[in-house]
Amino acid sequence: MYAYTDKIQSINSIKEQFKRNGKHLGHFKSKYVDLFGSLYLSELKGAELKSEWKRAFIEVADDIQDEKQLGLFITRVGQEKIENSSIQFRIYFIKNFMKDQSCIIVKTGHGMADGVAVILAACATQDTFDSQQLPQLRPFKFTDFLMTHLMIFFFLYYVIFPPKQVVQPIQIDPPCWNKVEITPSQSISKDFKVSDVYKLSKKFNCSVNDLMMTVINVSMRDYFSKKGQYYEQIKYAIPMNCRRIPQSFDEFYYLNYSHAETIFLDMKKEYDFQTVVHQGRDHMNQLKNSYRELISIYLIKMASYFIPSFVLNMMRQKMIDNLPKISISNINGPKIPLEFGGAKTRAISFTCIFDGQFCFFSIFSHQDVMKLGLYVTKMNVIGNELMEMIEIKIEDLLKQKQIQ
């Protein structure tokens, strides 16, 4: 997660805030220990915690003046592993950013936390609990509770007859996903007003999530068509977060609890924007109203308890290779500012640095600022070029629909 704030004078004020509210940070104050080939979290205490705490806060010496330089920095530090024996987070502090701002970067392992969990961790460092500081979470209804527990009784049924994809898959990835050895890149969009994007989504009779997924999809279609490449469908992973809405700091849960569903969006060149919106919206509605992701999470958890660690490690690369090469993650963030070191946030976003073949889009809304990010590694995509096309597409739609 990275947050733009008012000017922060010293990293010490951030350290004091984290120390003051550290009791709410849960697993982040732990290290990993190896026991019989499996990794477990062990909470750091006493002198060891004090020593590791010092390592967790880093004031950045680099002169980072714009978002292009910020993207390069995030990509570089994101590729640096956090050792298992170390405290499982890092805070990078950029005192002078874009003239009159500061920037905070919160880094952790993806097994430790997903995008929503990192935002929750930032909320946990606040002095008081305020529900408006939370990211928007899907309400956990009684039917969700019932379906989750019914899985216990129908466990064997789902093992023998796994739930079907709600959207029919395509069999192969397009040639543009052929692995290439290029330098990983992180592209960060300009600011867009959430209120304007919301009005635009109403014009197309869809949600903001549906709208932005369509913008990305159509921009990718145009990007590849410029290269003489045409595809009818492309496969995306869509993270689905399954957390309950916490009512206090004590209910915060950080460990990764999202599940990537697969969606197949049409990219036929004859389709206009409205058609692509409606098809993507219909596919998303099928996913939202299915319990496949809850069933899958349950099955994966059960399997991880009983399959030996060395077998899971052998399966790891195969599982990664079978993942969709593109992921789109959308988080509707806090409605009011968070505070770091006494300074309020103006904009927040997040990203995922991955060492495999991957293209990760992030969409984040905070107050009235929406930002998009794009991380690309080992794929034949120039991130800055694609991000520029996405920005132009949004601006053109706002003008066409006369959104001020």
Protein backbone atom coordinates (compact mmCIF):
# COMPACT_ATOMS: atom_id res chain seq x y z
CA MET A 1 0.00 0.00 0.00
CA TYR A 2 1.21 3.52 -0.68
CA ALA A 3 -0.37 6.68 0.69
CA TYR A 4 0.15 10.34 -0.17
CA THR A 5 -0.09 12.52 2.92
CA ASP A 6 0.34 16.07 4.09
CA LYS A 7 3.95 16.86 4.96
CA ILE A 8 5.35 14.64 7.75
CA GLN A 9 8.33 16.15 9.53
CA SER A 10 9.95 13.04 10.95
CA ILE A 11 9.82 9.25 10.69
CA ASN A 12 9.87 9.18 14.50
CA SER A 13 6.26 10.35 14.63
CA ILE A 14 5.29 7.35 12.47
CA LYS A 15 7.27 4.97 14.68
CA GLU A 16 5.55 6.33 17.79
CA GLN A 17 2.12 5.89 16.22
CA PHE A 18 2.81 2.28 15.27
CA LYS A 19 4.27 1.58 18.70
CA ARG A 20 1.30 3.23 20.43
CA ASN A 21 -1.23 1.15 18.50
CA GLY A 22 0.92 -1.93 17.92
CA LYS A 23 -1.40 -4.12 19.98
CA HIS A 24 -3.86 -4.00 17.05
CA LEU A 25 -1.37 -5.20 14.42
CA GLY A 26 -1.70 -8.90 15.25
CA HIS A 27 0.32 -11.24 13.03
CA PHE A 28 2.41 -8.43 11.52
CA LYS A 29 4.51 -8.42 14.72
CA SER A 30 5.51 -12.03 14.14
CA LYS A 31 8.20 -13.99 12.36
CA TYR A 32 7.94 -17.32 10.54
CA VAL A 33 9.43 -20.45 12.08
CA ASP A 34 9.99 -23.79 10.33
CA LEU A 35 8.59 -26.82 12.14
CA PHE A 36 8.62 -30.27 10.48
CA GLY A 37 8.74 -28.68 7.04
CA SER A 38 5.84 -26.28 7.63
CA LEU A 39 5.91 -22.56 8.40
CA TYR A 40 4.17 -21.12 11.46
CA LEU A 41 3.87 -17.60 12.82
CA SER A 42 5.59 -16.84 16.12
CA GLU A 43 4.88 -13.53 17.84
CA LEU A 44 7.99 -11.45 18.56
CA LYS A 45 8.44 -10.24 22.13
CA GLY A 46 10.90 -8.47 24.37
CA ALA A 47 14.38 -7.65 23.08
CA GLU A 48 13.80 -9.51 19.81
CA LEU A 49 10.70 -7.43 19.02
CA LYS A 50 12.57 -4.22 19.93
CA SER A 51 15.45 -5.13 17.61
CA GLU A 52 13.18 -6.12 14.72
CA TRP A 53 10.99 -3.04 15.21
CA LYS A 54 13.98 -0.82 14.37
CA ARG A 55 14.47 -2.68 11.08
CA ALA A 56 10.86 -2.18 10.05
CA PHE A 57 10.98 1.62 9.58
CA ILE A 58 13.10 2.98 6.75
CA GLU A 59 13.52 6.63 5.74
CA VAL A 60 14.10 6.73 1.98
CA ALA A 61 17.22 8.61 0.92
CA ASP A 62 16.32 8.59 -2.81
CA ASP A 63 15.05 11.84 -4.29
CA ILE A 64 11.57 10.75 -5.45
CA GLN A 65 9.70 13.66 -6.97
CA ASP A 66 6.97 12.13 -9.14
CA GLU A 67 4.82 9.02 -9.59
CA LYS A 68 7.04 7.53 -12.29
CA GLN A 69 9.98 7.52 -9.87
CA LEU A 70 7.68 6.21 -7.12
CA GLY A 71 6.65 3.30 -9.35
CA LEU A 72 10.31 2.41 -9.97
CA PHE A 73 11.06 2.53 -6.25
CA ILE A 74 8.05 0.39 -5.28
CA THR A 75 9.04 -2.20 -7.90
CA ARG A 76 12.61 -2.33 -6.59
CA VAL A 77 11.80 -2.67 -2.88
CA GLY A 78 8.89 -4.97 -3.66
CA GLN A 79 11.27 -7.50 -5.17
CA GLU A 80 13.36 -7.59 -1.99
CA LYS A 81 12.20 -10.49 0.17
CA ILE A 82 11.30 -10.10 3.84
CA GLU A 83 13.22 -12.85 5.63
CA ASN A 84 11.19 -15.45 7.52
CA SER A 85 13.20 -14.66 10.66
CA SER A 86 12.29 -10.97 10.50
CA ILE A 87 9.24 -8.98 11.55
CA GLN A 88 6.75 -9.28 8.69
CA PHE A 89 6.28 -5.67 7.57
CA ARG A 90 8.28 -2.70 6.32
CA ILE A 91 7.37 0.99 6.39
CA TYR A 92 9.15 3.22 3.87
CA PHE A 93 8.94 6.97 4.50
CA ILE A 94 9.50 9.53 1.73
CA LYS A 95 9.60 12.91 3.44
CA ASN A 96 9.52 15.16 0.36
CA PHE A 97 7.27 13.85 -2.38
CA MET A 98 5.77 15.86 -5.23
CA LYS A 99 6.87 19.17 -3.64
CA ASP A 100 4.52 19.60 -0.67
CA GLN A 101 3.63 16.02 0.30
CA SER A 102 5.07 12.96 2.00
CA CYS A 103 4.55 9.33 1.02
CA ILE A 104 4.20 6.20 3.17
CA ILE A 105 4.70 2.72 1.70
CA VAL A 106 3.52 -0.32 3.69
CA LYS A 107 4.98 -3.64 2.53
CA THR A 108 4.29 -7.20 3.64
CA GLY A 109 4.15 -10.73 2.19
CA HIS A 110 1.10 -11.76 0.17
CA GLY A 111 0.69 -14.90 2.26
CA MET A 112 0.51 -12.62 5.30
CA ALA A 113 -2.07 -10.23 3.85
CA ASP A 114 -4.07 -9.38 0.74
CA GLY A 115 -4.86 -5.85 -0.43
CA VAL A 116 -7.81 -5.36 1.92
CA ALA A 117 -5.80 -6.66 4.88
CA VAL A 118 -3.01 -4.13 4.29
CA ILE A 119 -5.58 -1.33 4.33
CA LEU A 120 -7.05 -2.78 7.54
CA ALA A 121 -3.55 -2.80 9.06
CA ALA A 122 -3.25 0.90 8.23
CA CYS A 123 -6.63 1.45 9.91
CA ALA A 124 -5.38 -0.47 12.96
CA THR A 125 -2.63 2.11 13.52
CA GLN A 126 -5.22 4.86 13.97
CA ASP A 127 -5.81 6.12 17.52
CA THR A 128 -9.57 5.52 17.46
CA PHE A 129 -11.84 3.11 15.60
CA ASP A 130 -14.07 4.73 12.98
CA SER A 131 -16.05 2.58 10.54
CA GLN A 132 -15.62 5.25 7.83
CA GLN A 133 -11.88 4.54 7.86
CA LEU A 134 -12.49 0.96 6.76
CA PRO A 135 -12.40 -0.26 3.16
CA GLN A 136 -15.77 -1.33 1.83
CA LEU A 137 -16.33 -5.00 2.63
CA ARG A 138 -18.97 -7.36 1.32
CA PRO A 139 -21.62 -7.87 4.03
CA PHE A 140 -21.58 -11.42 5.40
CA LYS A 141 -25.24 -12.46 5.20
CA PHE A 142 -26.99 -15.34 6.98
CA THR A 143 -27.11 -17.25 3.69
CA ASP A 144 -23.31 -16.94 3.46
CA PHE A 145 -23.02 -18.33 6.99
CA LEU A 146 -25.40 -21.18 6.17
CA MET A 147 -23.70 -22.09 2.88
CA THR A 148 -20.25 -22.04 4.50
CA HIS A 149 -21.30 -24.52 7.16
CA LEU A 150 -23.23 -26.72 4.75
CA MET A 151 -19.90 -27.34 3.04
CA ILE A 152 -18.82 -29.36 6.06
CA PHE A 153 -21.62 -31.85 5.44
CA PHE A 154 -21.18 -31.89 1.67
CA PHE A 155 -17.39 -31.91 1.68
CA LEU A 156 -17.02 -35.27 -0.07
CA TYR A 157 -19.65 -34.33 -2.65
CA TYR A 158 -17.67 -31.23 -3.68
CA VAL A 159 -14.45 -33.24 -3.81
CA ILE A 160 -16.01 -35.78 -6.20
CA PHE A 161 -18.16 -33.25 -8.10
CA PRO A 162 -16.38 -29.88 -7.90
CA PRO A 163 -18.52 -26.79 -8.55
CA LYS A 164 -18.62 -25.79 -12.21
CA GLN A 165 -17.26 -22.51 -13.53
CA VAL A 166 -20.09 -20.01 -13.74
CA VAL A 167 -18.47 -18.58 -16.88
CA GLN A 168 -17.30 -20.94 -19.62
CA PRO A 169 -13.48 -20.98 -19.93
CA ILE A 170 -11.28 -20.54 -22.95
CA GLN A 171 -8.73 -23.27 -23.43
CA ILE A 172 -5.51 -21.39 -24.16
CA ASP A 173 -3.83 -18.12 -23.31
CA PRO A 174 -3.22 -15.79 -26.26
CA PRO A 175 0.28 -15.51 -27.77
CA CYS A 176 0.86 -12.10 -26.15
CA TRP A 177 1.30 -13.95 -22.84
CA ASN A 178 4.43 -15.70 -24.05
CA LYS A 179 7.12 -15.25 -21.42
CA VAL A 180 9.61 -12.46 -22.12
CA GLU A 181 12.55 -11.31 -20.01
CA ILE A 182 11.90 -7.59 -19.48
CA THR A 183 12.44 -5.36 -16.47
CA PRO A 184 9.34 -5.37 -14.18
CA SER A 185 7.47 -2.06 -14.18
CA GLN A 186 4.92 -0.28 -12.00
CA SER A 187 2.74 2.40 -13.61
CA ILE A 188 0.59 4.76 -11.51
CA SER A 189 -2.29 6.73 -13.00
CA LYS A 190 -3.14 10.37 -12.54
CA ASP A 191 -5.95 11.24 -10.10
CA PHE A 192 -9.56 10.78 -11.13
CA LYS A 193 -12.53 12.07 -9.14
CA VAL A 194 -14.54 9.23 -7.63
CA SER A 195 -17.70 11.33 -7.89
CA ASP A 196 -17.18 11.77 -11.65
CA VAL A 197 -16.49 8.07 -12.21
CA TYR A 198 -19.59 7.18 -10.17
CA LYS A 199 -21.76 9.46 -12.32
CA LEU A 200 -20.25 7.86 -15.41
CA SER A 201 -21.09 4.36 -14.17
CA LYS A 202 -24.72 5.42 -13.68
CA LYS A 203 -24.79 6.57 -17.31
CA PHE A 204 -23.81 3.04 -18.35
CA ASN A 205 -26.16 1.37 -15.84
CA CYS A 206 -23.39 -0.52 -14.06
CA SER A 207 -21.21 -0.39 -10.97
CA VAL A 208 -17.90 1.48 -10.79
CA ASN A 209 -16.16 -1.91 -10.68
CA ASP A 210 -17.92 -3.02 -13.89
CA LEU A 211 -17.06 0.27 -15.57
CA MET A 212 -13.35 0.18 -14.69
CA MET A 213 -13.03 -3.47 -15.70
CA THR A 214 -14.50 -2.56 -19.06
CA VAL A 215 -12.12 0.41 -19.43
CA ILE A 216 -9.17 -1.94 -18.78
CA ASN A 217 -10.55 -4.61 -21.11
CA VAL A 218 -11.25 -2.25 -24.02
CA SER A 219 -7.91 -0.47 -23.53
CA MET A 220 -6.13 -3.83 -23.72
CA ARG A 221 -8.08 -4.72 -26.85
CA ASP A 222 -7.01 -1.43 -28.48
CA TYR A 223 -3.44 -1.83 -27.22
CA PHE A 224 -3.02 -5.25 -28.81
CA SER A 225 -4.88 -4.33 -32.00
CA LYS A 226 -2.27 -1.58 -32.54
CA LYS A 227 0.27 -4.42 -32.51
CA GLY A 228 -1.78 -6.37 -35.05
CA GLN A 229 -3.01 -8.86 -32.44
CA TYR A 230 -6.73 -9.63 -32.10
CA TYR A 231 -8.39 -11.78 -29.43
CA GLU A 232 -12.06 -12.60 -28.90
CA GLN A 233 -11.67 -13.27 -25.17
CA ILE A 234 -9.10 -12.80 -22.44
CA LYS A 235 -9.04 -14.55 -19.08
CA TYR A 236 -8.80 -12.48 -15.88
CA ALA A 237 -8.48 -13.34 -12.19
CA ILE A 238 -10.80 -11.30 -9.97
CA PRO A 239 -9.98 -11.36 -6.23
CA MET A 240 -13.12 -11.84 -4.11
CA ASN A 241 -12.71 -10.78 -0.49
CA CYS A 242 -14.66 -12.83 2.05
CA ARG A 243 -14.16 -10.90 5.30
CA ARG A 244 -16.85 -9.85 7.72
CA ILE A 245 -17.14 -6.15 8.50
CA PRO A 246 -15.27 -5.57 11.82
CA GLN A 247 -16.96 -3.60 14.56
CA SER A 248 -13.79 -2.87 16.53
CA PHE A 249 -10.00 -3.22 16.34
CA ASP A 250 -10.31 -6.55 18.15
CA GLU A 251 -12.18 -8.05 15.16
CA PHE A 252 -9.49 -7.17 12.60
CA TYR A 253 -8.27 -10.24 10.70
CA TYR A 254 -5.25 -9.89 8.43
CA LEU A 255 -4.19 -13.25 7.01
CA ASN A 256 -4.95 -13.56 3.29
CA TYR A 257 -8.67 -14.29 2.99
CA SER A 258 -9.42 -13.48 -0.62
CA HIS A 259 -10.06 -15.93 -3.41
CA ALA A 260 -9.34 -15.32 -7.08
CA GLU A 261 -12.31 -16.09 -9.29
CA THR A 262 -11.86 -16.37 -13.05
CA ILE A 263 -13.79 -14.28 -15.53
CA PHE A 264 -13.65 -14.29 -19.35
CA LEU A 265 -14.30 -10.93 -20.97
CA ASP A 266 -15.15 -10.48 -24.64
CA MET A 267 -12.76 -8.40 -26.75
CA LYS A 268 -14.34 -8.60 -30.21
CA LYS A 269 -13.34 -5.48 -32.11
CA GLU A 270 -16.87 -4.89 -33.42
CA TYR A 271 -18.28 -4.54 -29.88
CA ASP A 272 -18.88 -0.99 -28.69
CA PHE A 273 -18.16 0.10 -25.13
CA GLN A 274 -21.76 -0.31 -23.93
CA THR A 275 -21.90 -3.92 -25.16
CA VAL A 276 -18.67 -4.82 -23.37
CA VAL A 277 -19.96 -3.14 -20.18
CA HIS A 278 -23.15 -5.19 -20.17
CA GLN A 279 -21.42 -8.49 -20.86
CA GLY A 280 -18.80 -7.88 -18.16
CA ARG A 281 -21.52 -6.80 -15.72
CA ASP A 282 -23.53 -9.96 -16.37
CA HIS A 283 -20.47 -12.17 -15.84
CA MET A 284 -19.64 -10.39 -12.58
CA ASN A 285 -23.22 -10.77 -11.33
CA GLN A 286 -22.95 -14.52 -11.88
CA LEU A 287 -19.79 -14.62 -9.78
CA LYS A 288 -21.22 -12.42 -7.02
CA ASN A 289 -24.28 -14.62 -6.68
CA SER A 290 -22.35 -17.89 -6.67
CA TYR A 291 -20.91 -19.65 -3.63
CA ARG A 292 -18.13 -21.21 -5.62
CA GLU A 293 -15.46 -18.97 -4.05
CA LEU A 294 -16.57 -19.83 -0.50
CA ILE A 295 -16.60 -23.54 -1.32
CA SER A 296 -13.16 -23.29 -2.93
CA ILE A 297 -11.67 -21.51 0.09
CA TYR A 298 -13.01 -24.21 2.37
CA LEU A 299 -11.64 -27.02 0.19
CA ILE A 300 -8.22 -25.35 -0.12
CA LYS A 301 -8.02 -24.90 3.66
CA MET A 302 -8.95 -28.52 4.27
CA ALA A 303 -6.44 -29.75 1.71
CA SER A 304 -3.63 -27.63 3.17
CA TYR A 305 -4.12 -29.25 6.59
CA PHE A 306 -3.82 -32.81 5.30
CA ILE A 307 -1.40 -32.60 2.35
CA PRO A 308 2.25 -32.82 3.50
CA SER A 309 4.27 -29.62 3.11
CA PHE A 310 6.79 -31.16 0.71
CA VAL A 311 3.91 -32.16 -1.60
CA LEU A 312 2.47 -28.63 -1.49
CA ASN A 313 5.90 -27.24 -2.35
CA MET A 314 6.13 -29.59 -5.33
CA MET A 315 2.68 -28.44 -6.49
CA ARG A 316 3.44 -24.74 -6.00
CA GLN A 317 4.93 -23.95 -9.42
CA LYS A 318 2.23 -25.93 -11.21
CA MET A 319 -0.47 -23.96 -9.37
CA ILE A 320 1.23 -20.65 -10.23
CA ASP A 321 1.53 -21.64 -13.91
CA ASN A 322 -2.21 -22.39 -14.05
CA LEU A 323 -3.22 -19.01 -12.65
CA PRO A 324 -4.61 -16.42 -15.08
CA LYS A 325 -1.81 -14.12 -16.23
CA ILE A 326 -3.91 -10.98 -15.59
CA SER A 327 -5.51 -9.95 -12.33
CA ILE A 328 -7.80 -6.98 -11.68
CA SER A 329 -8.31 -5.96 -8.05
CA ASN A 330 -10.68 -3.17 -7.04
CA ILE A 331 -10.92 -1.83 -3.48
CA ASN A 332 -13.28 0.93 -2.40
CA GLY A 333 -11.19 2.46 0.37
CA PRO A 334 -11.73 4.71 3.40
CA LYS A 335 -14.24 7.52 3.00
CA ILE A 336 -12.32 9.78 5.38
CA PRO A 337 -8.57 10.44 5.74
CA LEU A 338 -6.24 8.18 7.67
CA GLU A 339 -3.41 9.74 9.66
CA PHE A 340 0.28 8.87 9.68
CA GLY A 341 2.65 10.80 11.90
CA GLY A 342 -0.05 13.43 12.47
CA ALA A 343 -0.54 14.04 8.71
CA LYS A 344 -3.74 13.20 6.82
CA THR A 345 -3.88 11.08 3.67
CA ARG A 346 -4.94 12.63 0.38
CA ALA A 347 -4.77 9.55 -1.85
CA ILE A 348 -4.07 5.83 -1.29
CA SER A 349 -3.48 2.89 -3.59
CA PHE A 350 -1.92 -0.57 -3.56
CA THR A 351 -0.10 -3.04 -5.76
CA CYS A 352 1.23 -6.60 -5.81
CA ILE A 353 4.85 -7.33 -6.75
CA PHE A 354 5.14 -10.86 -8.15
CA ASP A 355 8.15 -12.74 -9.50
CA GLY A 356 6.22 -14.90 -11.97
CA GLN A 357 4.66 -14.04 -15.32
CA PHE A 358 2.03 -11.53 -14.31
CA CYS A 359 0.03 -8.40 -15.14
CA PHE A 360 -1.71 -6.85 -12.12
CA PHE A 361 -4.22 -4.00 -12.29
CA SER A 362 -5.26 -2.22 -9.09
CA ILE A 363 -8.14 0.24 -8.67
CA PHE A 364 -8.46 2.14 -5.40
CA SER A 365 -10.84 4.85 -4.24
CA HIS A 366 -10.12 7.04 -1.21
CA GLN A 367 -12.26 10.05 -0.34
CA ASP A 368 -12.82 11.57 -3.81
CA VAL A 369 -9.59 10.31 -5.41
CA MET A 370 -9.40 7.18 -7.54
CA LYS A 371 -6.04 5.85 -8.69
CA LEU A 372 -5.13 2.93 -10.92
CA GLY A 373 -1.93 0.94 -10.85
CA LEU A 374 -0.42 -1.54 -13.28
CA TYR A 375 2.41 -3.95 -12.45
CA VAL A 376 3.87 -5.96 -15.33
CA THR A 377 6.54 -8.66 -15.17
CA LYS A 378 7.81 -11.09 -17.86
CA MET A 379 4.98 -10.24 -20.27
CA ASN A 380 5.02 -8.52 -23.64
CA VAL A 381 3.28 -5.40 -22.32
CA ILE A 382 4.74 -1.90 -21.93
CA GLY A 383 3.01 -0.75 -18.74
CA ASN A 384 3.34 3.03 -19.23
CA GLU A 385 1.90 2.83 -22.76
CA LEU A 386 -1.09 0.78 -21.62
CA MET A 387 -1.70 3.02 -18.60
CA GLU A 388 -1.70 6.10 -20.84
CA MET A 389 -4.36 4.47 -23.05
CA ILE A 390 -6.46 3.70 -19.95
CA GLU A 391 -6.23 7.31 -18.78
CA ILE A 392 -7.23 8.62 -22.23
CA LYS A 393 -10.17 6.19 -22.37
CA ILE A 394 -11.52 7.42 -19.00
CA GLU A 395 -11.10 11.07 -19.99
CA ASP A 396 -12.82 10.50 -23.34
CA LEU A 397 -15.79 8.79 -21.67
CA LEU A 398 -16.13 11.65 -19.18
CA LYS A 399 -16.19 14.14 -22.05
CA GLN A 400 -18.62 12.09 -24.15
CA LYS A 401 -21.06 11.81 -21.25
CA GLN A 402 -20.44 15.44 -20.29
CA ILE A 403 -19.41 14.63 -16.72
CA GLN A 404 -17.90 17.70 -15.08
